[in-house]
Amino acid sequence: MSRTAKATLVAAVTFCSVTIFTVHYMQRQERETMYQGVVRDDARRLEKHKQREGALQESLRRRELYERVQTVSNPAQLPPSTSTTEDG
């Protein structure tokens, strides 16, 4: 095998190895970036849930306060609904 052929073979193997390593490295980086997005989404969703829970507790506290101050007749009872469905 001539020196030129050996050099070409070494260059081709080196180029392929570097290319494969780079592609795998980039895939790992992208996967990690995507995972961090999922983590941020979960944290954001949990924070919204906590805010809504706090708003609900505040609303219930206010309702209790208002019901103590003002008299309300049957606050939990709703009028019966009338649904009109025709079978035909």
N, C-alpha and C. Protein backbone atom coordinates (compact mmCIF):
# COMPACT_ATOMS: atom_id res chain seq x y z
N MET A 1 0.85 -1.16 0.00
CA MET A 1 0.00 0.00 0.00
C MET A 1 0.90 1.23 0.00
N SER A 2 0.61 2.15 -0.87
CA SER A 2 1.45 3.35 -0.99
C SER A 2 1.17 4.33 0.15
N ARG A 3 2.09 5.27 0.31
CA ARG A 3 1.93 6.27 1.36
C ARG A 3 0.70 7.13 1.11
N THR A 4 0.43 7.45 -0.11
CA THR A 4 -0.73 8.27 -0.44
C THR A 4 -2.01 7.54 -0.08
N ALA A 5 -2.08 6.27 -0.36
CA ALA A 5 -3.27 5.48 -0.03
C ALA A 5 -3.45 5.39 1.48
N LYS A 6 -2.34 5.18 2.20
CA LYS A 6 -2.42 5.12 3.66
C LYS A 6 -2.89 6.46 4.24
N ALA A 7 -2.34 7.54 3.74
CA ALA A 7 -2.72 8.87 4.22
C ALA A 7 -4.20 9.14 3.93
N THR A 8 -4.65 8.75 2.76
CA THR A 8 -6.05 8.94 2.40
C THR A 8 -6.95 8.11 3.31
N LEU A 9 -6.56 6.88 3.58
CA LEU A 9 -7.33 6.01 4.46
C LEU A 9 -7.39 6.60 5.87
N VAL A 10 -6.27 7.04 6.40
CA VAL A 10 -6.23 7.62 7.74
C VAL A 10 -7.08 8.89 7.78
N ALA A 11 -6.99 9.71 6.76
CA ALA A 11 -7.78 10.95 6.71
C ALA A 11 -9.27 10.64 6.65
N ALA A 12 -9.66 9.65 5.85
CA ALA A 12 -11.07 9.29 5.73
C ALA A 12 -11.60 8.73 7.05
N VAL A 13 -10.84 7.85 7.70
CA VAL A 13 -11.27 7.28 8.97
C VAL A 13 -11.36 8.37 10.04
N THR A 14 -10.38 9.26 10.07
CA THR A 14 -10.40 10.36 11.04
C THR A 14 -11.61 11.26 10.80
N PHE A 15 -11.85 11.62 9.54
CA PHE A 15 -12.98 12.48 9.20
C PHE A 15 -14.30 11.83 9.61
N CYS A 16 -14.47 10.54 9.31
CA CYS A 16 -15.70 9.83 9.68
C CYS A 16 -15.86 9.76 11.20
N SER A 17 -14.77 9.48 11.89
CA SER A 17 -14.84 9.38 13.35
C SER A 17 -15.23 10.72 13.97
N VAL A 18 -14.63 11.79 13.51
CA VAL A 18 -14.95 13.12 14.03
C VAL A 18 -16.39 13.48 13.72
N THR A 19 -16.85 13.16 12.51
CA THR A 19 -18.23 13.45 12.12
C THR A 19 -19.21 12.69 13.00
N ILE A 20 -18.98 11.41 13.22
CA ILE A 20 -19.87 10.59 14.05
C ILE A 20 -19.87 11.10 15.49
N PHE A 21 -18.70 11.41 16.03
CA PHE A 21 -18.61 11.94 17.39
C PHE A 21 -19.39 13.26 17.51
N THR A 22 -19.21 14.14 16.53
CA THR A 22 -19.89 15.44 16.56
C THR A 22 -21.40 15.28 16.50
N VAL A 23 -21.89 14.40 15.65
CA VAL A 23 -23.33 14.18 15.53
C VAL A 23 -23.89 13.65 16.85
N HIS A 24 -23.22 12.68 17.45
CA HIS A 24 -23.70 12.13 18.73
C HIS A 24 -23.66 13.19 19.83
N TYR A 25 -22.62 14.00 19.85
CA TYR A 25 -22.51 15.06 20.84
C TYR A 25 -23.66 16.06 20.68
N MET A 26 -23.94 16.46 19.45
CA MET A 26 -25.04 17.40 19.20
C MET A 26 -26.38 16.80 19.60
N GLN A 27 -26.58 15.52 19.34
CA GLN A 27 -27.83 14.87 19.72
C GLN A 27 -28.00 14.86 21.24
N ARG A 28 -26.92 14.58 21.96
CA ARG A 28 -26.99 14.60 23.42
C ARG A 28 -27.33 16.00 23.93
N GLN A 29 -26.71 17.01 23.33
CA GLN A 29 -26.99 18.38 23.74
C GLN A 29 -28.45 18.75 23.47
N GLU A 30 -28.96 18.39 22.31
CA GLU A 30 -30.36 18.69 21.97
C GLU A 30 -31.31 17.96 22.90
N ARG A 31 -31.02 16.71 23.22
CA ARG A 31 -31.86 15.94 24.12
C ARG A 31 -31.89 16.59 25.51
N GLU A 32 -30.73 17.05 25.98
CA GLU A 32 -30.66 17.71 27.28
C GLU A 32 -31.44 19.03 27.26
N THR A 33 -31.32 19.77 26.18
CA THR A 33 -32.06 21.03 26.05
C THR A 33 -33.56 20.78 26.06
N MET A 34 -34.00 19.76 25.35
CA MET A 34 -35.42 19.43 25.32
C MET A 34 -35.90 19.00 26.70
N TYR A 35 -35.10 18.24 27.41
CA TYR A 35 -35.48 17.79 28.75
C TYR A 35 -35.60 18.98 29.70
N GLN A 36 -34.70 19.94 29.58
CA GLN A 36 -34.78 21.14 30.42
C GLN A 36 -36.07 21.90 30.13
N GLY A 37 -36.53 21.88 28.89
CA GLY A 37 -37.81 22.50 28.55
C GLY A 37 -38.96 21.82 29.27
N VAL A 38 -38.91 20.51 29.34
CA VAL A 38 -39.95 19.75 30.05
C VAL A 38 -39.92 20.09 31.54
N VAL A 39 -38.74 20.19 32.10
CA VAL A 39 -38.61 20.53 33.52
C VAL A 39 -39.18 21.92 33.77
N ARG A 40 -38.87 22.89 32.89
CA ARG A 40 -39.41 24.25 33.05
C ARG A 40 -40.93 24.25 32.93
N ASP A 41 -41.46 23.48 31.97
CA ASP A 41 -42.91 23.41 31.81
C ASP A 41 -43.58 22.83 33.06
N ASP A 42 -42.98 21.80 33.63
CA ASP A 42 -43.54 21.20 34.86
C ASP A 42 -43.53 22.21 36.01
N ALA A 43 -42.44 22.94 36.13
CA ALA A 43 -42.35 23.94 37.20
C ALA A 43 -43.39 25.05 36.98
N ARG A 44 -43.56 25.47 35.74
CA ARG A 44 -44.54 26.51 35.43
C ARG A 44 -45.95 26.03 35.72
N ARG A 45 -46.25 24.78 35.35
CA ARG A 45 -47.57 24.22 35.60
C ARG A 45 -47.84 24.09 37.10
N LEU A 46 -46.84 23.68 37.86
CA LEU A 46 -46.99 23.56 39.31
C LEU A 46 -47.23 24.93 39.94
N GLU A 47 -46.52 25.94 39.46
CA GLU A 47 -46.70 27.30 39.99
C GLU A 47 -48.11 27.81 39.69
N LYS A 48 -48.61 27.57 38.49
CA LYS A 48 -49.98 27.98 38.15
C LYS A 48 -50.99 27.26 39.03
N HIS A 49 -50.74 25.97 39.28
CA HIS A 49 -51.65 25.20 40.13
C HIS A 49 -51.67 25.79 41.54
N LYS A 50 -50.50 26.15 42.06
CA LYS A 50 -50.43 26.75 43.40
C LYS A 50 -51.15 28.09 43.43
N GLN A 51 -51.00 28.89 42.37
CA GLN A 51 -51.69 30.18 42.32
C GLN A 51 -53.20 29.99 42.29
N ARG A 52 -53.66 29.05 41.49
CA ARG A 52 -55.10 28.79 41.40
C ARG A 52 -55.64 28.26 42.72
N GLU A 53 -54.87 27.40 43.36
CA GLU A 53 -55.28 26.87 44.66
C GLU A 53 -55.38 27.99 45.68
N GLY A 54 -54.41 28.89 45.66
CA GLY A 54 -54.45 30.04 46.56
C GLY A 54 -55.64 30.94 46.29
N ALA A 55 -55.94 31.16 45.00
CA ALA A 55 -57.09 31.99 44.65
C ALA A 55 -58.39 31.32 45.10
N LEU A 56 -58.46 30.00 44.97
CA LEU A 56 -59.65 29.27 45.41
C LEU A 56 -59.81 29.40 46.93
N GLN A 57 -58.73 29.23 47.67
CA GLN A 57 -58.80 29.35 49.13
C GLN A 57 -59.23 30.76 49.53
N GLU A 58 -58.70 31.76 48.84
CA GLU A 58 -59.08 33.15 49.13
C GLU A 58 -60.56 33.37 48.82
N SER A 59 -61.03 32.82 47.72
CA SER A 59 -62.44 32.94 47.35
C SER A 59 -63.33 32.26 48.38
N LEU A 60 -62.94 31.08 48.84
CA LEU A 60 -63.73 30.38 49.86
C LEU A 60 -63.73 31.16 51.18
N ARG A 61 -62.59 31.74 51.52
CA ARG A 61 -62.50 32.54 52.74
C ARG A 61 -63.41 33.76 52.65
N ARG A 62 -63.40 34.43 51.51
CA ARG A 62 -64.27 35.60 51.32
C ARG A 62 -65.74 35.20 51.36
N ARG A 63 -66.07 34.09 50.72
CA ARG A 63 -67.46 33.64 50.72
C ARG A 63 -67.94 33.38 52.15
N GLU A 64 -67.09 32.70 52.92
CA GLU A 64 -67.44 32.41 54.31
C GLU A 64 -67.64 33.71 55.09
N LEU A 65 -66.76 34.67 54.87
CA LEU A 65 -66.88 35.96 55.54
C LEU A 65 -68.17 36.67 55.13
N TYR A 66 -68.46 36.71 53.85
CA TYR A 66 -69.67 37.37 53.37
C TYR A 66 -70.93 36.68 53.88
N GLU A 67 -70.91 35.35 53.94
CA GLU A 67 -72.08 34.63 54.43
C GLU A 67 -72.27 34.86 55.93
N ARG A 68 -71.19 35.10 56.66
CA ARG A 68 -71.34 35.42 58.08
C ARG A 68 -71.92 36.82 58.26
N VAL A 69 -71.49 37.74 57.41
CA VAL A 69 -71.94 39.13 57.52
C VAL A 69 -73.36 39.29 56.98
N GLN A 70 -73.65 38.66 55.85
CA GLN A 70 -74.95 38.80 55.21
C GLN A 70 -75.69 37.47 55.30
N THR A 71 -76.98 37.54 55.51
CA THR A 71 -77.75 36.31 55.54
C THR A 71 -78.14 35.94 54.12
N VAL A 72 -77.97 34.68 53.79
CA VAL A 72 -78.28 34.18 52.46
C VAL A 72 -79.20 32.99 52.62
N SER A 73 -80.29 32.98 51.85
CA SER A 73 -81.20 31.84 51.95
C SER A 73 -80.82 30.81 50.90
N ASN A 74 -80.57 29.59 51.33
CA ASN A 74 -80.19 28.46 50.47
C ASN A 74 -79.05 28.82 49.51
N PRO A 75 -77.88 29.10 49.98
CA PRO A 75 -76.80 29.51 49.08
C PRO A 75 -76.30 28.38 48.17
N ALA A 76 -76.42 27.14 48.62
CA ALA A 76 -75.89 26.04 47.82
C ALA A 76 -76.94 25.42 46.92
N GLN A 77 -78.19 25.74 47.12
CA GLN A 77 -79.25 25.10 46.35
C GLN A 77 -79.51 25.91 45.08
N LEU A 78 -79.44 25.24 43.95
CA LEU A 78 -79.69 25.88 42.67
C LEU A 78 -81.10 25.54 42.21
N PRO A 79 -81.73 26.41 41.43
CA PRO A 79 -83.06 26.07 40.92
C PRO A 79 -82.97 24.88 39.98
N PRO A 80 -84.02 24.08 39.92
CA PRO A 80 -83.98 22.90 39.04
C PRO A 80 -83.89 23.34 37.58
N SER A 81 -83.07 22.63 36.84
CA SER A 81 -82.91 22.98 35.43
C SER A 81 -83.96 22.25 34.62
N THR A 82 -84.42 22.91 33.59
CA THR A 82 -85.41 22.30 32.70
C THR A 82 -84.75 22.06 31.36
N SER A 83 -84.57 20.82 31.02
CA SER A 83 -83.97 20.50 29.74
C SER A 83 -85.06 20.02 28.80
N THR A 84 -85.02 20.51 27.59
CA THR A 84 -86.02 20.12 26.60
C THR A 84 -85.34 19.36 25.50
N THR A 85 -85.44 18.06 25.58
CA THR A 85 -84.91 17.23 24.52
C THR A 85 -86.06 16.46 23.92
N GLU A 86 -86.10 16.44 22.62
CA GLU A 86 -87.19 15.75 21.94
C GLU A 86 -86.64 14.51 21.27
N ASP A 87 -87.30 13.41 21.51
CA ASP A 87 -86.95 12.17 20.84
C ASP A 87 -87.87 12.05 19.64
N GLY A 88 -87.33 11.89 18.51
CA GLY A 88 -88.26 11.86 17.41
C GLY A 88 -87.73 11.20 16.27
